[in-house]
C-alpha cells in the first residue's frame, strides 16, 4: 500500500512539474535591438564549457571528451551523456527558435532567483558571487562554512544529494523547485541524474569542472555559475584576483633548480596507488617547483564509477616502487599510513624516511566537514602557497600551512 501511495505522489509531482509554463512572458518594453547583458564572461582556460551572447539570450555549451576519466564505457555513450546545450534567456524576453544547433536545447530563464548545487566547492562559488541569499540546497549538510552550516541546522537549507552519490535526491528537488540546480556529473550514471531532473520539469545544469586539465580551467567554472545569475562581473573579478596571486607565487620559484620529487596519491588495501598524473593538482605541483615522477599529460584526470570521482588514476605498487627514490614528498588524503604498504616497501621513499608526508585535512570539523573540498578548487593560490612553503621554506617564511598537516605513521 505504501509503495502505491508513493508511486501516486511521485506521478502527481511529475505531472505538476510538467504542466509548468515552458514559454516566457514577453514584457511590453522588449526590444530586439537591445543588448540585455552588460556583463560578459570570456572563457580562455576552460576547455569543457563555452558561452556566446545573443542580445537577449546566452548559449552555453558543455562537453567532456572521452578519456577525461578512466571508465567502463564506449565513446558513443560517453559523448551522448556528456554533451549539453543550454539557452539562458533574459526574463521578459522571447525564447529564440530552437533550431539547428539549438535543437533540443534546455531553456532556462535568467537571472535565476533560487539556486541549488551539489558540487563540493559550490559553497565557495556561491559565497564569492554573493548569492547565498538565493541558495535553497547544497549536496549535504556537513559544509565547512559556519554560516551555511547554521542555515542547515535552522532547516533553511536542504541536502539535495552529495556529489559522490550516483544521482540527486529527486524528491527533495521537486519539493524545493530551485530555478536551476547545478549537478556534478562525472559518470554516466550521474549524467543520467541530470536528465532525470529535467524530465521532472526542473531546470538543471551539469557541472564538469573536475574534467579540466589545468587549475585555471577549473577555476574558470565560477564564470559558468555566474552565467545563470547575470553575475559575470563578480566572477571575472574573483578569477583575475586568484589568477594574479598564483602567477606571483609561481614567479617565486621560477629560477629554482633544486627541484624535489613529489607524489600526490593514496594507497588502497588492494595493492595499488591512486595518483595525480594529470589535471590541476598535478599542474600546481609543477608550478610550485616540484617534479612529479608520474606526470602524464595524456592520462585521465580521474577514474569514475557509478558514483563519480576518484582521487586520480590507479598505478600498481610495482610501478610506483620503480620511482620511489625520486619521491621527496608524498601528499595524500589519508591522514595515517594505516593502508599503506609495509615499512620495507616505504623505506625506499626518501619522503617516508624524512617524514615529508602530508595530508590535506588540517581544516576539518568534527561533524565531518573538510574545507579542502569546499575551498581548494576555487583557491589554488592557498594550495600553491602550502606547496612552496614545503618545497622551499625560505621563500615564504611567514606562511603557515593552510591545508597541509603531517601524516601519522602507524605501521
Protein backbone atom coordinates (compact mmCIF):
# COMPACT_ATOMS: atom_id res chain seq x y z
CA UNK A 1 0.00 0.00 0.00
CA UNK A 2 2.82 2.40 0.90
CA UNK A 3 4.51 1.73 -2.45
CA UNK A 4 1.29 2.51 -4.32
CA UNK A 5 0.84 5.79 -2.44
CA UNK A 6 4.46 6.74 -3.06
CA UNK A 7 4.08 5.98 -6.77
CA UNK A 8 0.91 8.09 -6.97
CA UNK A 9 2.59 11.00 -5.18
CA UNK A 10 5.63 10.86 -7.43
CA UNK A 11 3.47 10.77 -10.57
CA UNK A 12 1.43 13.71 -9.26
CA UNK A 13 4.59 15.72 -8.63
CA UNK A 14 5.92 14.77 -12.04
CA UNK A 15 2.75 15.88 -13.84
CA UNK A 16 2.62 19.08 -11.78
CA UNK A 17 6.13 19.96 -12.86
CA UNK A 18 5.41 19.05 -16.46
CA UNK A 19 2.50 21.48 -16.63
CA UNK A 20 4.63 24.47 -15.66
CA UNK A 21 4.94 27.27 -18.21
CA UNK A 22 7.61 26.47 -20.80
CA UNK A 23 7.49 29.79 -22.69
CA UNK A 24 8.40 33.10 -21.16
CA UNK A 25 6.04 36.04 -21.00
CA UNK A 26 7.39 38.94 -23.04
CA UNK A 27 7.28 42.36 -21.40
CA UNK A 28 5.99 45.37 -23.30
CA UNK A 29 9.34 47.15 -23.37
CA UNK A 30 11.24 44.30 -25.01
CA UNK A 31 13.50 45.43 -27.86
CA UNK A 32 15.13 43.01 -30.29
CA UNK A 33 17.99 45.50 -30.78
CA UNK A 34 18.90 45.83 -27.11
CA UNK A 35 21.88 44.02 -25.60
CA UNK A 36 20.49 42.71 -22.32
CA UNK A 37 23.85 41.58 -20.97
CA UNK A 38 26.15 44.39 -19.94
CA UNK A 39 28.21 41.85 -18.01
CA UNK A 40 30.01 39.24 -20.10
CA UNK A 41 32.42 36.42 -19.43
CA UNK A 42 35.24 35.42 -21.73
CA UNK A 43 36.30 31.80 -21.39
CA UNK A 44 40.03 31.47 -22.03
CA UNK A 45 41.17 28.47 -19.98
CA UNK A 46 38.26 26.07 -19.51
CA UNK A 47 38.11 23.56 -22.33
CA UNK A 48 34.81 21.93 -21.49
CA UNK A 49 32.29 24.77 -21.49
CA UNK A 50 31.72 27.85 -23.61
CA UNK A 51 29.28 30.75 -23.83
CA UNK A 52 28.15 33.02 -26.63
CA UNK A 53 25.96 36.10 -26.19
CA UNK A 54 22.99 36.90 -28.45
CA UNK A 55 21.24 40.13 -27.37
CA UNK A 56 18.65 38.60 -25.02
CA UNK A 57 19.99 35.07 -24.55
CA UNK A 58 23.18 33.15 -23.93
CA UNK A 59 24.08 29.83 -25.49
CA UNK A 60 26.05 27.67 -23.07
CA UNK A 61 27.68 24.50 -24.31
CA UNK A 62 29.28 21.94 -22.03
CA UNK A 63 31.11 18.88 -23.25
CA UNK A 64 33.56 16.42 -21.74
CA UNK A 65 35.67 14.46 -24.18
CA UNK A 66 36.01 10.70 -23.94
CA UNK A 67 39.11 9.83 -21.95
CA UNK A 68 38.88 12.57 -19.33
CA UNK A 69 38.08 9.81 -16.86
CA UNK A 70 39.16 6.19 -16.95
CA UNK A 71 35.84 4.34 -17.04
CA UNK A 72 33.99 1.38 -18.48
CA UNK A 73 32.00 2.90 -21.32
CA UNK A 74 32.21 3.30 -25.06
CA UNK A 75 32.92 6.69 -26.59
CA UNK A 76 29.47 6.99 -28.18
CA UNK A 77 27.68 6.56 -24.84
CA UNK A 78 30.09 8.98 -23.20
CA UNK A 79 29.58 11.62 -25.91
CA UNK A 80 25.78 11.42 -25.67
CA UNK A 81 25.83 11.75 -21.89
CA UNK A 82 28.43 14.48 -21.69
CA UNK A 83 27.36 16.87 -24.42
CA UNK A 84 24.91 19.57 -23.37
CA UNK A 85 23.43 22.76 -24.85
CA UNK A 86 21.51 25.32 -22.79
CA UNK A 87 19.80 28.54 -23.81
CA UNK A 88 19.70 31.08 -20.99
CA UNK A 89 17.01 33.65 -21.79
CA UNK A 90 16.70 37.03 -20.08
CA UNK A 91 13.46 37.45 -18.14
CA UNK A 92 10.72 39.22 -20.05
CA UNK A 93 12.21 38.42 -23.46
CA UNK A 94 11.26 35.74 -26.01
CA UNK A 95 12.82 32.32 -26.35
CA UNK A 96 14.69 32.02 -29.67
CA UNK A 97 13.73 29.39 -32.20
CA UNK A 98 15.27 26.11 -31.07
CA UNK A 99 16.51 25.02 -34.46
CA UNK A 100 19.85 23.97 -35.94
CA UNK A 101 22.47 23.86 -33.16
CA UNK A 102 19.83 24.83 -30.59
CA UNK A 103 17.52 21.95 -31.39
CA UNK A 104 16.69 20.12 -28.18
CA UNK A 105 18.44 22.72 -26.02
CA UNK A 106 17.47 23.11 -22.37
CA UNK A 107 15.91 26.58 -21.84
CA UNK A 108 16.44 28.41 -18.54
CA UNK A 109 15.07 31.83 -17.61
CA UNK A 110 17.70 34.13 -16.09
CA UNK A 111 18.72 35.59 -13.81
CA UNK A 112 17.53 32.81 -11.54
CA UNK A 113 16.04 33.80 -8.21
CA UNK A 114 16.74 30.49 -6.48
CA UNK A 115 19.58 28.04 -6.92
CA UNK A 116 20.94 24.75 -5.63
CA UNK A 117 24.15 22.88 -6.30
CA UNK A 118 25.88 19.73 -5.14
CA UNK A 119 29.50 20.30 -6.27
CA UNK A 120 31.92 20.07 -3.35
CA UNK A 121 33.10 23.63 -3.97
CA UNK A 122 29.64 25.07 -4.66
CA UNK A 123 29.63 26.92 -1.29
CA UNK A 124 32.83 28.78 -2.19
CA UNK A 125 31.46 29.79 -5.59
CA UNK A 126 28.11 30.98 -4.26
CA UNK A 127 29.80 32.95 -1.48
CA UNK A 128 32.22 34.57 -3.94
CA UNK A 129 29.31 35.52 -6.22
CA UNK A 130 27.35 36.96 -3.30
CA UNK A 131 24.24 34.85 -3.96
CA UNK A 132 23.88 32.76 -0.81
CA UNK A 133 20.54 34.50 -0.21
CA UNK A 134 19.24 32.68 -3.30
CA UNK A 135 20.52 29.32 -2.14
CA UNK A 136 17.96 26.59 -1.35
CA UNK A 137 20.12 23.50 -1.16
CA UNK A 138 23.61 22.01 -1.25
CA UNK A 139 24.81 18.47 -1.68
CA UNK A 140 24.98 17.70 2.04
CA UNK A 141 24.70 19.45 5.38
CA UNK A 142 28.28 18.84 6.53
CA UNK A 143 29.61 22.05 5.00
CA UNK A 144 32.70 23.73 6.44
CA UNK A 145 31.38 27.29 6.20
CA UNK A 146 29.83 28.14 9.57
CA UNK A 147 27.10 30.43 8.21
CA UNK A 148 25.87 27.81 5.74
CA UNK A 149 26.11 25.11 8.39
CA UNK A 150 23.91 27.24 10.68
CA UNK A 151 21.33 27.56 7.91
CA UNK A 152 21.20 23.78 7.58
CA UNK A 153 20.71 23.46 11.33
CA UNK A 154 17.89 26.01 11.11
CA UNK A 155 16.33 23.94 8.26
CA UNK A 156 16.72 26.87 5.86
CA UNK A 157 18.92 24.81 3.55
CA UNK A 158 18.25 21.26 2.42
CA UNK A 159 20.56 18.42 1.31
CA UNK A 160 19.98 17.56 -2.36
CA UNK A 161 22.41 14.63 -2.60
CA UNK A 162 26.23 14.75 -2.37
CA UNK A 163 28.40 14.84 -5.47
CA UNK A 164 29.75 11.39 -4.60
CA UNK A 165 26.30 9.76 -4.80
CA UNK A 166 25.03 8.27 -8.05
CA UNK A 167 22.41 10.97 -8.51
CA UNK A 168 20.50 13.81 -6.85
CA UNK A 169 17.66 13.46 -4.36
CA UNK A 170 14.81 13.95 -6.82
CA UNK A 171 12.09 14.13 -4.15
CA UNK A 172 13.95 16.95 -2.42
CA UNK A 173 14.47 18.85 -5.67
CA UNK A 174 10.79 18.54 -6.55
CA UNK A 175 9.89 19.90 -3.13
CA UNK A 176 12.37 22.80 -3.35
CA UNK A 177 11.86 23.67 -7.04
CA UNK A 178 15.05 25.74 -7.45
CA UNK A 179 15.08 27.73 -10.67
CA UNK A 180 18.32 25.98 -11.55
CA UNK A 181 20.24 23.12 -9.94
CA UNK A 182 23.92 22.68 -10.74
CA UNK A 183 24.67 18.96 -10.60
CA UNK A 184 28.08 17.31 -10.65
CA UNK A 185 28.28 14.78 -13.48
CA UNK A 186 31.40 12.63 -13.51
CA UNK A 187 29.95 9.29 -14.60
CA UNK A 188 27.30 8.01 -16.98
CA UNK A 189 25.01 7.34 -14.01
CA UNK A 190 25.38 10.88 -12.71
CA UNK A 191 24.77 12.30 -16.19
CA UNK A 192 21.52 10.34 -16.26
CA UNK A 193 20.64 12.04 -12.97
CA UNK A 194 20.80 15.43 -14.69
CA UNK A 195 18.45 14.18 -17.40
CA UNK A 196 16.03 12.68 -14.88
CA UNK A 197 15.91 16.00 -13.05
CA UNK A 198 14.98 17.73 -16.29
CA UNK A 199 12.34 15.13 -17.08
CA UNK A 200 10.60 16.19 -13.88
CA UNK A 201 10.19 19.67 -15.34
CA UNK A 202 13.03 21.12 -13.28
CA UNK A 203 15.90 23.19 -14.65
CA UNK A 204 19.30 21.58 -14.24
CA UNK A 205 22.81 22.27 -15.49
CA UNK A 206 25.64 19.72 -15.50
CA UNK A 207 28.82 20.66 -13.63
CA UNK A 208 32.03 19.38 -15.23
CA UNK A 209 34.79 21.39 -13.55
CA UNK A 210 36.50 18.16 -12.50
CA UNK A 211 37.30 17.44 -16.16
CA UNK A 212 39.64 20.41 -16.72
CA UNK A 213 43.34 19.69 -17.21
CA UNK A 214 44.53 23.00 -15.73
CA UNK A 215 43.89 24.74 -12.45
CA UNK A 216 42.79 27.90 -14.28
CA UNK A 217 40.40 25.86 -16.38
CA UNK A 218 38.81 24.52 -13.22
CA UNK A 219 38.82 27.94 -11.57
CA UNK A 220 37.04 29.42 -14.58
CA UNK A 221 33.93 27.37 -13.79
CA UNK A 222 32.95 30.09 -11.35
CA UNK A 223 32.08 32.01 -14.52
CA UNK A 224 29.81 29.12 -15.50
CA UNK A 225 27.79 29.53 -12.30
CA UNK A 226 27.68 33.29 -12.87
CA UNK A 227 26.03 32.86 -16.28
CA UNK A 228 22.78 31.74 -14.64
CA UNK A 229 22.82 34.70 -12.25
CA UNK A 230 23.99 37.52 -14.56
CA UNK A 231 26.91 37.97 -12.17
CA UNK A 232 29.74 37.76 -14.69
CA UNK A 233 31.49 40.86 -13.32
CA UNK A 234 31.88 39.28 -9.88
CA UNK A 235 33.11 36.03 -11.39
CA UNK A 236 35.59 37.85 -13.62
CA UNK A 237 36.96 39.82 -10.66
CA UNK A 238 37.30 36.73 -8.48
CA UNK A 239 39.02 34.78 -11.26
CA UNK A 240 41.51 37.56 -12.07
CA UNK A 241 42.37 38.05 -8.39
CA UNK A 242 43.17 34.37 -7.81
CA UNK A 243 44.98 34.07 -11.15
CA UNK A 244 47.20 37.05 -10.27
CA UNK A 245 48.03 35.57 -6.87
CA UNK A 246 49.00 32.24 -8.43
CA UNK A 247 51.17 33.87 -11.07
CA UNK A 248 53.03 35.86 -8.43
CA UNK A 249 53.66 32.71 -6.39
CA UNK A 250 54.89 30.89 -9.48
CA UNK A 251 57.44 33.63 -10.10
CA UNK A 252 59.00 32.96 -6.70
CA UNK A 253 60.21 29.51 -7.74
CA UNK A 254 60.75 30.16 -11.43
CA UNK A 255 64.55 30.06 -11.24
CA UNK A 256 64.96 27.33 -8.63
CA UNK A 257 66.89 24.34 -9.92
CA UNK A 258 66.83 22.21 -6.75
CA UNK A 259 63.51 20.59 -7.62
CA UNK A 260 62.18 17.94 -5.22
CA UNK A 261 60.17 14.94 -6.39
CA UNK A 262 56.54 14.78 -5.24
CA UNK A 263 53.86 12.11 -5.33
CA UNK A 264 50.21 13.03 -4.79
CA UNK A 265 48.34 9.85 -4.06
CA UNK A 266 46.65 7.39 -1.77
CA UNK A 267 47.18 3.68 -1.30
CA UNK A 268 44.47 1.04 -1.17
CA UNK A 269 44.44 -2.31 0.59
CA UNK A 270 44.17 -3.93 -2.84
CA UNK A 271 47.79 -3.08 -3.58
CA UNK A 272 47.52 -0.05 -5.85
CA UNK A 273 48.31 3.65 -5.62
CA UNK A 274 45.83 6.21 -6.91
CA UNK A 275 47.92 9.17 -8.07
CA UNK A 276 47.54 12.58 -9.69
CA UNK A 277 49.17 12.29 -13.10
CA UNK A 278 47.16 14.97 -14.89
CA UNK A 279 44.85 17.84 -14.03
CA UNK A 280 45.00 20.92 -11.85
CA UNK A 281 46.70 19.43 -8.80
CA UNK A 282 49.43 17.82 -10.89
CA UNK A 283 49.97 21.16 -12.61
CA UNK A 284 50.16 23.08 -9.32
CA UNK A 285 52.85 20.75 -8.00
CA UNK A 286 54.91 21.54 -11.08
CA UNK A 287 54.32 25.30 -10.77
CA UNK A 288 55.41 25.06 -7.12
CA UNK A 289 58.77 23.76 -8.31
CA UNK A 290 58.43 20.00 -7.90
CA UNK A 291 58.96 17.13 -10.30
CA UNK A 292 56.08 14.65 -10.46
CA UNK A 293 57.56 11.26 -11.46
CA UNK A 294 54.09 10.15 -12.54
CA UNK A 295 53.16 13.20 -14.60
CA UNK A 296 51.39 12.26 -17.84
CA UNK A 297 49.56 14.90 -19.89
CA UNK A 298 47.76 12.16 -21.80
CA UNK A 299 46.48 10.35 -18.74
CA UNK A 300 42.91 10.51 -17.50
CA UNK A 301 42.38 13.08 -14.76
CA UNK A 302 40.34 10.74 -12.61
CA UNK A 303 38.72 7.34 -12.53
CA UNK A 304 34.98 7.16 -12.33
CA UNK A 305 32.44 4.55 -11.42
CA UNK A 306 28.69 4.98 -10.95
CA UNK A 307 29.20 7.38 -8.05
CA UNK A 308 31.65 9.68 -9.74
CA UNK A 309 35.13 10.89 -8.94
CA UNK A 310 38.23 9.24 -7.56
CA UNK A 311 41.42 10.91 -6.30
CA UNK A 312 43.32 10.26 -9.53
CA UNK A 313 44.22 7.19 -11.59
CA UNK A 314 45.38 3.76 -10.43
CA UNK A 315 49.04 2.74 -10.72
CA UNK A 316 50.29 -0.66 -9.46
CA UNK A 317 52.59 -0.87 -6.44
CA UNK A 318 55.43 -2.20 -8.56
CA UNK A 319 55.34 0.74 -10.95
CA UNK A 320 55.40 3.26 -8.10
CA UNK A 321 58.24 1.41 -6.40
CA UNK A 322 60.39 1.79 -9.51
CA UNK A 323 60.39 5.57 -8.98
CA UNK A 324 60.27 5.59 -5.19
CA UNK A 325 63.77 7.03 -4.79
CA UNK A 326 62.66 10.11 -6.73
CA UNK A 327 59.88 10.90 -4.26
CA UNK A 328 60.92 13.50 -1.65
CA UNK A 329 57.33 14.43 -0.68
CA UNK A 330 54.08 12.47 -0.51
CA UNK A 331 50.70 14.23 -0.34
CA UNK A 332 47.55 12.26 0.35
CA UNK A 333 44.01 12.46 1.63
CA UNK A 334 44.92 9.65 4.02
CA UNK A 335 45.73 11.09 7.44
CA UNK A 336 47.56 7.93 8.57
CA UNK A 337 49.68 5.26 6.91
CA UNK A 338 47.27 2.52 8.02
CA UNK A 339 46.53 1.32 4.47
CA UNK A 340 49.99 1.97 3.06
CA UNK A 341 52.40 -0.81 2.05
CA UNK A 342 54.67 -2.37 4.73
CA UNK A 343 57.65 -0.43 6.04
CA UNK A 344 60.20 -2.39 3.99
CA UNK A 345 58.42 -1.04 0.89
CA UNK A 346 58.03 2.51 2.19
CA UNK A 347 61.63 2.73 3.40
CA UNK A 348 62.69 3.12 -0.24
CA UNK A 349 60.94 6.52 -0.37
CA UNK A 350 63.05 9.49 0.86
CA UNK A 351 59.73 11.18 1.67
CA UNK A 352 58.84 8.44 4.14
CA UNK A 353 62.25 8.28 5.80
CA UNK A 354 62.47 12.05 6.19
CA UNK A 355 58.86 12.42 7.39
CA UNK A 356 57.92 14.58 4.42
CA UNK A 357 54.44 13.07 4.17
CA UNK A 358 51.35 15.29 4.42
CA UNK A 359 47.58 15.06 4.22
CA UNK A 360 45.29 17.98 3.34
CA UNK A 361 42.68 17.66 6.08
CA UNK A 362 44.14 20.19 8.51
CA UNK A 363 40.94 22.24 8.24
CA UNK A 364 38.43 19.67 9.47
CA UNK A 365 35.43 19.93 11.77
CA UNK A 366 34.32 17.07 13.99
CA UNK A 367 30.88 16.77 12.38
CA UNK A 368 32.58 15.60 9.16
CA UNK A 369 33.31 18.80 7.24
CA UNK A 370 36.57 19.29 5.35
CA UNK A 371 37.47 22.69 3.98
CA UNK A 372 39.72 21.02 1.40
CA UNK A 373 36.76 20.02 -0.75
CA UNK A 374 34.92 23.30 -0.27
CA UNK A 375 37.81 25.71 -0.83
CA UNK A 376 40.78 24.16 -2.64
CA UNK A 377 39.35 24.04 -6.21
CA UNK A 378 38.49 27.75 -6.13
CA UNK A 379 41.54 28.85 -4.12
CA UNK A 380 44.54 27.26 -5.86
CA UNK A 381 46.66 30.12 -4.51
CA UNK A 382 46.29 28.70 -0.99
CA UNK A 383 47.36 25.23 -2.11
CA UNK A 384 50.24 26.68 -4.11
CA UNK A 385 51.41 28.60 -1.03
CA UNK A 386 51.42 25.39 1.03
CA UNK A 387 53.42 23.50 -1.59
CA UNK A 388 56.02 26.26 -1.97
CA UNK A 389 56.33 26.53 1.81
CA UNK A 390 57.16 22.82 1.98
CA UNK A 391 59.41 22.66 -1.07
CA UNK A 392 61.28 25.93 -0.41
CA UNK A 393 60.72 27.13 3.19
CA UNK A 394 62.96 30.17 2.66
CA UNK A 395 60.62 31.66 0.06
CA UNK A 396 57.52 32.01 2.25
CA UNK A 397 58.88 32.21 5.80
CA UNK A 398 55.71 33.81 7.21
CA UNK A 399 53.23 31.40 5.62
CA UNK A 400 51.51 28.94 7.94
CA UNK A 401 50.33 25.76 6.24
CA UNK A 402 46.66 26.21 5.34
CA UNK A 403 45.55 22.76 4.15
CA UNK A 404 48.52 20.51 4.92
CA UNK A 405 49.38 18.59 8.05
CA UNK A 406 51.84 15.71 8.69
CA UNK A 407 50.54 12.18 8.13
CA UNK A 408 50.66 9.96 11.22
CA UNK A 409 52.81 6.85 10.82
CA UNK A 410 51.04 3.80 12.25
CA UNK A 411 52.86 0.87 10.66
